[in-house]
C-alpha atoms as a PDB file:
ATOM      1  CA  MET A   1       0.075  -0.167  -0.044  1.00  0.00           C
ATOM      2  CA  ILE A   2       1.093   3.185  -0.969  1.00  0.00           C
ATOM      3  CA  GLY A   3       1.152   6.187   0.485  1.00  0.00           C
ATOM      4  CA  ILE A   4       0.420  10.087  -0.756  1.00  0.00           C
ATOM      5  CA  VAL A   5       1.208  12.197   1.372  1.00  0.00           C
ATOM      6  CA  ASP A   6      -1.197  15.381   0.794  1.00  0.00           C
ATOM      7  CA  TYR A   7       0.564  18.539   2.196  1.00  0.00           C
ATOM      8  CA  GLY A   8      -1.685  20.724  -0.465  1.00  0.00           C
ATOM      9  CA  MET A   9       0.874  21.332  -2.692  1.00  0.00           C
ATOM     10  CA  GLY A  10       1.312  18.139  -4.382  1.00  0.00           C
ATOM     11  CA  ASN A  11      -0.099  17.219  -7.459  1.00  0.00           C
ATOM     12  CA  LEU A  12      -1.750  14.586  -6.103  1.00  0.00           C
ATOM     13  CA  PHE A  13      -3.989  13.165  -9.422  1.00  0.00           C
ATOM     14  CA  SER A  14      -1.687  12.895 -12.494  1.00  0.00           C
ATOM     15  CA  VAL A  15       0.094  10.683  -9.867  1.00  0.00           C
ATOM     16  CA  SER A  16      -2.649   8.820  -8.167  1.00  0.00           C
ATOM     17  CA  LYS A  17      -4.125   8.308 -12.130  1.00  0.00           C
ATOM     18  CA  ALA A  18       0.007   6.656 -12.519  1.00  0.00           C
ATOM     19  CA  LEU A  19      -0.152   4.363  -9.395  1.00  0.00           C
ATOM     20  CA  GLU A  20      -3.706   3.624 -10.805  1.00  0.00           C
ATOM     21  CA  ARG A  21      -2.175   2.028 -14.542  1.00  0.00           C
ATOM     22  CA  LEU A  22       0.306   0.167 -12.909  1.00  0.00           C
ATOM     23  CA  ASN A  23      -2.522  -1.709 -10.479  1.00  0.00           C
ATOM     24  CA  ALA A  24      -0.862  -0.370  -7.119  1.00  0.00           C
ATOM     25  CA  ASP A  25      -3.214  -0.156  -3.913  1.00  0.00           C
ATOM     26  CA  TYR A  26      -2.372   3.207  -3.157  1.00  0.00           C
ATOM     27  CA  PHE A  27      -4.028   6.173  -0.782  1.00  0.00           C
ATOM     28  CA  ILE A  28      -3.908   9.954  -0.203  1.00  0.00           C
ATOM     29  CA  SER A  29      -3.508  11.532   3.223  1.00  0.00           C
ATOM     30  CA  GLY A  30      -2.241  14.160   5.628  1.00  0.00           C
ATOM     31  CA  ASP A  31      -3.206  11.812   8.411  1.00  0.00           C
ATOM     32  CA  LYS A  32       0.424  10.909  10.552  1.00  0.00           C
ATOM     33  CA  GLU A  33      -0.617   7.274  11.308  1.00  0.00           C
ATOM     34  CA  GLU A  34      -2.383   6.333   8.440  1.00  0.00           C
ATOM     35  CA  LEU A  35       1.255   7.659   6.331  1.00  0.00           C
ATOM     36  CA  LEU A  36       3.215   6.058   8.796  1.00  0.00           C
ATOM     37  CA  GLY A  37       1.472   2.564   8.340  1.00  0.00           C
ATOM     38  CA  ALA A  38       1.866   2.233   4.582  1.00  0.00           C
ATOM     39  CA  ASP A  39       4.111   0.176   2.696  1.00  0.00           C
ATOM     40  CA  ALA A  40       6.063   3.310   0.896  1.00  0.00           C
ATOM     41  CA  LEU A  41       5.574   7.238   0.692  1.00  0.00           C
ATOM     42  CA  LEU A  42       5.404   9.329  -2.918  1.00  0.00           C
ATOM     43  CA  LEU A  43       5.983  12.861  -1.946  1.00  0.00           C
ATOM     44  CA  PRO A  44       5.063  15.202  -4.875  1.00  0.00           C
ATOM     45  CA  GLY A  45       5.476  19.063  -4.890  1.00  0.00           C
ATOM     46  CA  VAL A  46       4.582  21.716  -6.948  1.00  0.00           C
ATOM     47  CA  GLY A  47       5.695  25.388  -5.662  1.00  0.00           C
ATOM     48  CA  SER A  48       8.156  27.129  -3.885  1.00  0.00           C
ATOM     49  CA  PHE A  49      10.658  25.169  -1.067  1.00  0.00           C
ATOM     50  CA  ARG A  50       9.772  27.676   1.326  1.00  0.00           C
ATOM     51  CA  ASP A  51       5.831  27.396   1.356  1.00  0.00           C
ATOM     52  CA  ALA A  52       6.141  23.631   1.289  1.00  0.00           C
ATOM     53  CA  MET A  53       8.702  23.044   4.390  1.00  0.00           C
ATOM     54  CA  GLU A  54       5.534  25.478   6.080  1.00  0.00           C
ATOM     55  CA  VAL A  55       3.336  23.092   5.946  1.00  0.00           C
ATOM     56  CA  LEU A  56       5.109  20.144   5.490  1.00  0.00           C
ATOM     57  CA  GLN A  57       4.657  17.377   8.399  1.00  0.00           C
ATOM     58  CA  VAL A  58       8.412  16.892   8.821  1.00  0.00           C
ATOM     59  CA  ASP A  59       8.098  15.147  12.269  1.00  0.00           C
ATOM     60  CA  THR A  60       5.994  11.933  10.479  1.00  0.00           C
ATOM     61  CA  ILE A  61       7.519  12.533   7.162  1.00  0.00           C
ATOM     62  CA  LYS A  62      11.445  11.932   8.972  1.00  0.00           C
ATOM     63  CA  GLU A  63      10.335   9.184  11.258  1.00  0.00           C
ATOM     64  CA  PHE A  64       8.817   7.295   8.907  1.00  0.00           C
ATOM     65  CA  ALA A  65      12.198   7.203   6.765  1.00  0.00           C
ATOM     66  CA  ALA A  66      13.861   6.217  10.151  1.00  0.00           C
ATOM     67  CA  SER A  67      11.071   2.925   9.204  1.00  0.00           C
ATOM     68  CA  GLY A  68      13.647   2.366   6.366  1.00  0.00           C
ATOM     69  CA  LYS A  69      10.620   1.993   4.583  1.00  0.00           C
ATOM     70  CA  PRO A  70      10.916   3.337   1.127  1.00  0.00           C
ATOM     71  CA  LEU A  71      10.144   7.398   0.590  1.00  0.00           C
ATOM     72  CA  LEU A  72       9.714   8.581  -3.399  1.00  0.00           C
ATOM     73  CA  GLY A  73       9.430  12.170  -3.938  1.00  0.00           C
ATOM     74  CA  ILE A  74       9.162  13.864  -7.039  1.00  0.00           C
ATOM     75  CA  CYS A  75      10.177  17.389  -8.323  1.00  0.00           C
ATOM     76  CA  LEU A  76       9.371  19.749  -4.926  1.00  0.00           C
ATOM     77  CA  GLY A  77       9.035  16.789  -3.378  1.00  0.00           C
ATOM     78  CA  MET A  78      12.414  15.639  -4.580  1.00  0.00           C
ATOM     79  CA  GLN A  79      14.134  18.610  -3.676  1.00  0.00           C
ATOM     80  CA  LEU A  80      12.831  19.040  -0.107  1.00  0.00           C
ATOM     81  CA  LEU A  81      14.885  15.835   0.951  1.00  0.00           C
ATOM     82  CA  PHE A  82      18.029  17.892   0.363  1.00  0.00           C
ATOM     83  CA  GLU A  83      19.242  19.977   3.483  1.00  0.00           C
ATOM     84  CA  ASP A  84      18.342  23.151   2.222  1.00  0.00           C
ATOM     85  CA  SER A  85      17.091  25.407  -0.467  1.00  0.00           C
ATOM     86  CA  ASP A  86      17.895  29.149  -1.710  1.00  0.00           C
ATOM     87  CA  GLU A  87      14.242  29.858  -2.565  1.00  0.00           C
ATOM     88  CA  ASN A  88      12.567  33.202  -1.190  1.00  0.00           C
ATOM     89  CA  GLY A  89      15.770  32.852   1.321  1.00  0.00           C
ATOM     90  CA  PHE A  90      17.733  30.347   2.848  1.00  0.00           C
ATOM     91  CA  THR A  91      15.530  27.090   3.676  1.00  0.00           C
ATOM     92  CA  LYS A  92      15.852  24.231   5.819  1.00  0.00           C
ATOM     93  CA  GLY A  93      14.555  21.205   4.153  1.00  0.00           C
ATOM     94  CA  LEU A  94      14.599  17.708   5.551  1.00  0.00           C
ATOM     95  CA  GLY A  95      18.180  16.973   5.373  1.00  0.00           C
ATOM     96  CA  LEU A  96      17.801  13.015   4.413  1.00  0.00           C
ATOM     97  CA  LEU A  97      20.300  13.693   2.007  1.00  0.00           C
ATOM     98  CA  PRO A  98      22.389  15.809   1.455  1.00  0.00           C
ATOM     99  CA  GLY A  99      23.099  18.724  -1.105  1.00  0.00           C
ATOM    100  CA  HIS A 100      21.437  21.729  -1.675  1.00  0.00           C
ATOM    101  CA  VAL A 101      19.056  23.211  -4.150  1.00  0.00           C
ATOM    102  CA  ARG A 102      20.317  25.884  -6.326  1.00  0.00           C
ATOM    103  CA  ARG A 103      17.971  28.109  -9.117  1.00  0.00           C
ATOM    104  CA  PHE A 104      20.142  28.322 -12.446  1.00  0.00           C
ATOM    105  CA  SER A 105      21.464  31.303 -12.882  1.00  0.00           C
ATOM    106  CA  GLY A 106      19.744  31.853 -16.284  1.00  0.00           C
ATOM    107  CA  SER A 107      23.138  32.510 -18.115  1.00  0.00           C
ATOM    108  CA  ASN A 108      25.676  30.421 -19.286  1.00  0.00           C
ATOM    109  CA  ALA A 109      29.645  30.844 -19.778  1.00  0.00           C
ATOM    110  CA  ALA A 110      29.449  32.952 -21.890  1.00  0.00           C
ATOM    111  CA  GLY A 111      27.174  35.927 -20.458  1.00  0.00           C
ATOM    112  CA  GLU A 112      23.832  34.360 -23.019  1.00  0.00           C
ATOM    113  CA  THR A 113      20.617  33.858 -21.714  1.00  0.00           C
ATOM    114  CA  TYR A 114      18.233  30.914 -21.361  1.00  0.00           C
ATOM    115  CA  LYS A 115      15.125  30.085 -20.216  1.00  0.00           C
ATOM    116  CA  VAL A 116      14.298  29.663 -16.680  1.00  0.00           C
ATOM    117  CA  PRO A 117      12.235  27.225 -16.363  1.00  0.00           C
ATOM    118  CA  HIS A 118      13.418  24.903 -16.980  1.00  0.00           C
ATOM    119  CA  MET A 119      10.707  23.031 -19.077  1.00  0.00           C
ATOM    120  CA  GLY A 120      10.632  20.051 -21.867  1.00  0.00           C
ATOM    121  CA  TRP A 121      12.453  17.102 -22.217  1.00  0.00           C
ATOM    122  CA  ASN A 122      15.190  16.013 -21.353  1.00  0.00           C
ATOM    123  CA  LYS A 123      17.731  13.052 -21.239  1.00  0.00           C
ATOM    124  CA  LEU A 124      18.843  11.095 -18.575  1.00  0.00           C
ATOM    125  CA  GLU A 125      22.630   9.648 -18.029  1.00  0.00           C
ATOM    126  CA  PHE A 126      22.873   6.931 -16.101  1.00  0.00           C
ATOM    127  CA  VAL A 127      25.643   7.313 -13.086  1.00  0.00           C
ATOM    128  CA  LYS A 128      25.457   4.492 -10.516  1.00  0.00           C
ATOM    129  CA  THR A 129      23.088   1.622 -10.993  1.00  0.00           C
ATOM    130  CA  SER A 130      20.212   1.373  -8.578  1.00  0.00           C
ATOM    131  CA  PRO A 131      17.210  -0.497  -8.722  1.00  0.00           C
ATOM    132  CA  LEU A 132      15.287   1.989  -9.066  1.00  0.00           C
ATOM    133  CA  LEU A 133      16.743   1.956 -12.911  1.00  0.00           C
ATOM    134  CA  LYS A 134      17.620  -1.835 -12.853  1.00  0.00           C
ATOM    135  CA  GLY A 135      16.950  -3.067 -16.644  1.00  0.00           C
ATOM    136  CA  LEU A 136      15.968   0.320 -17.996  1.00  0.00           C
ATOM    137  CA  GLU A 137      18.183   2.091 -21.131  1.00  0.00           C
ATOM    138  CA  GLU A 138      18.521   5.783 -21.171  1.00  0.00           C
ATOM    139  CA  ASP A 139      16.053   8.021 -22.424  1.00  0.00           C
ATOM    140  CA  TYR A 140      14.157  11.278 -21.989  1.00  0.00           C
ATOM    141  CA  VAL A 141      12.001  12.176 -19.283  1.00  0.00           C
ATOM    142  CA  TYR A 142       9.572  15.688 -18.599  1.00  0.00           C
ATOM    143  CA  PHE A 143      11.010  18.485 -16.729  1.00  0.00           C
ATOM    144  CA  VAL A 144       9.677  20.934 -15.500  1.00  0.00           C
ATOM    145  CA  HIS A 145      11.517  23.651 -12.103  1.00  0.00           C
ATOM    146  CA  SER A 146      13.765  26.809 -11.691  1.00  0.00           C
ATOM    147  CA  TYR A 147      15.690  24.842  -9.145  1.00  0.00           C
ATOM    148  CA  TYR A 148      18.118  22.452  -9.426  1.00  0.00           C
ATOM    149  CA  VAL A 149      20.102  19.691  -6.410  1.00  0.00           C
ATOM    150  CA  SER A 150      23.383  20.627  -6.559  1.00  0.00           C
ATOM    151  CA  ALA A 151      24.736  16.721  -5.670  1.00  0.00           C
ATOM    152  CA  GLU A 152      27.182  16.280  -8.691  1.00  0.00           C
ATOM    153  CA  LYS A 153      29.252  14.961  -6.145  1.00  0.00           C
ATOM    154  CA  SER A 154      27.587  13.100  -3.960  1.00  0.00           C
ATOM    155  CA  GLU A 155      27.431   9.844  -3.334  1.00  0.00           C
ATOM    156  CA  VAL A 156      23.622   9.832  -4.024  1.00  0.00           C
ATOM    157  CA  LEU A 157      23.338  10.535  -7.841  1.00  0.00           C
ATOM    158  CA  LEU A 158      21.906   7.547  -9.553  1.00  0.00           C
ATOM    159  CA  ALA A 159      21.322   9.659 -13.049  1.00  0.00           C
ATOM    160  CA  LYS A 160      22.233  13.337 -14.390  1.00  0.00           C
ATOM    161  CA  ALA A 161      20.755  15.091 -17.294  1.00  0.00           C
ATOM    162  CA  ASN A 162      22.190  19.019 -18.486  1.00  0.00           C
ATOM    163  CA  TYR A 163      20.406  22.355 -18.813  1.00  0.00           C
ATOM    164  CA  TYR A 164      23.193  24.445 -18.646  1.00  0.00           C
ATOM    165  CA  GLU A 165      23.931  23.562 -15.230  1.00  0.00           C
ATOM    166  CA  GLU A 166      24.506  19.469 -13.949  1.00  0.00           C
ATOM    167  CA  VAL A 167      20.626  18.773 -13.060  1.00  0.00           C
ATOM    168  CA  SER A 168      20.595  15.318 -10.207  1.00  0.00           C
ATOM    169  CA  ALA A 169      17.665  13.865 -12.237  1.00  0.00           C
ATOM    170  CA  VAL A 170      17.409  10.645  -9.590  1.00  0.00           C
ATOM    171  CA  VAL A 171      18.995  10.391  -6.925  1.00  0.00           C
ATOM    172  CA  GLY A 172      18.968   7.821  -3.824  1.00  0.00           C
ATOM    173  CA  LYS A 173      20.951   6.172  -0.656  1.00  0.00           C
ATOM    174  CA  ASP A 174      19.116   3.661   1.479  1.00  0.00           C
ATOM    175  CA  ASN A 175      15.364   3.943   1.484  1.00  0.00           C
ATOM    176  CA  ILE A 176      15.361   7.717   0.066  1.00  0.00           C
ATOM    177  CA  PHE A 177      14.985   7.865  -3.346  1.00  0.00           C
ATOM    178  CA  GLY A 178      13.900  11.046  -5.557  1.00  0.00           C
ATOM    179  CA  MET A 179      13.267  12.206  -8.696  1.00  0.00           C
ATOM    180  CA  GLN A 180      13.094  15.685  -9.995  1.00  0.00           C
ATOM    181  CA  PHE A 181      10.938  14.907 -12.835  1.00  0.00           C
ATOM    182  CA  HIS A 182       7.905  14.776 -13.869  1.00  0.00           C
ATOM    183  CA  PRO A 183       7.736  10.024 -14.382  1.00  0.00           C
ATOM    184  CA  GLU A 184       3.969  10.336 -14.567  1.00  0.00           C
ATOM    185  CA  LYS A 185       3.897  12.284 -17.003  1.00  0.00           C
ATOM    186  CA  SER A 186       7.365  10.695 -19.333  1.00  0.00           C
ATOM    187  CA  SER A 187       5.423   8.497 -21.173  1.00  0.00           C
ATOM    188  CA  LYS A 188       7.895   4.615 -21.310  1.00  0.00           C
ATOM    189  CA  LEU A 189      10.957   5.752 -19.232  1.00  0.00           C
ATOM    190  CA  GLY A 190       8.573   7.309 -16.284  1.00  0.00           C
ATOM    191  CA  MET A 191       6.539   4.468 -15.682  1.00  0.00           C
ATOM    192  CA  ALA A 192       9.321   1.767 -15.911  1.00  0.00           C
ATOM    193  CA  LEU A 193      10.780   4.317 -13.044  1.00  0.00           C
ATOM    194  CA  LEU A 194       8.241   4.095 -11.169  1.00  0.00           C
ATOM    195  CA  ASN A 195       7.031   0.331 -11.165  1.00  0.00           C
ATOM    196  CA  ASN A 196      10.625   0.077 -10.533  1.00  0.00           C
ATOM    197  CA  PHE A 197      10.330   1.873  -7.304  1.00  0.00           C
ATOM    198  CA  LEU A 198       6.628  -0.344  -6.727  1.00  0.00           C
ATOM    199  CA  LYS A 199       8.771  -3.124  -7.257  1.00  0.00           C
ATOM    200  CA  LEU A 200      11.399  -2.398  -4.718  1.00  0.00           C
ATOM    201  CA  VAL A 201       9.001  -1.914  -2.176  1.00  0.00           C
ATOM    202  CA  GLU A 202       7.211  -4.990  -2.835  1.00  0.00           C
ATOM    203  CA  GLU A 203      10.748  -6.644  -2.439  1.00  0.00           C
ATOM    204  CA  ARG A 204      11.734  -4.642   1.257  1.00  0.00           C
ATOM    205  CA  LYS A 205       8.009  -5.194   2.826  1.00  0.00           C
ATOM    206  CA  ALA A 206       9.071  -9.185   1.804  1.00  0.00           C
ATOM    207  CA  VAL A 207      12.416  -8.581   4.130  1.00  0.00           C
ATOM    208  CA  ARG A 208      10.511  -6.329   6.198  1.00  0.00           C
END
């Protein structure tokens, strides 16, 4: 049973529909006890890092993460897993993964401007092996974001993309995972990544 965290800032409809297409059992809730009872949590997110941290049940997410059960952050939800963000002023994140959230500068090394937010299809480049990437081939996924995680030298980087900066696209360590793009809007590869996460949930549930 997958719990989708409802804190008022997630694209709950598209994520839940993706899980339905994968025949996964899920529920949407903001209730602490219900969320802690899930086999895994999805933390979606759309909007501002600071606003999200003000309304997110931080203790609940940290308690769930400490249980060892899988947690997947999507888009803003992935950024919240990290230490801090510059968005709307310095804001501390959940601190479950090492790294910092930075804004695209909007200009390259030559001083030429580029569009922010980063919006569109970019190809993933796999960096290290992970259950999330098992059996998959590098392909394009759909991004919409103005901020990105700076974790290029981190052990948590699983796959990256390039948009004038190196974008940490898929991250993971132990039971904590994240995807900067929208897997539910990313065609075959996005759905395959979600399906691999569901497989990981089943495998870890079997050994608990």
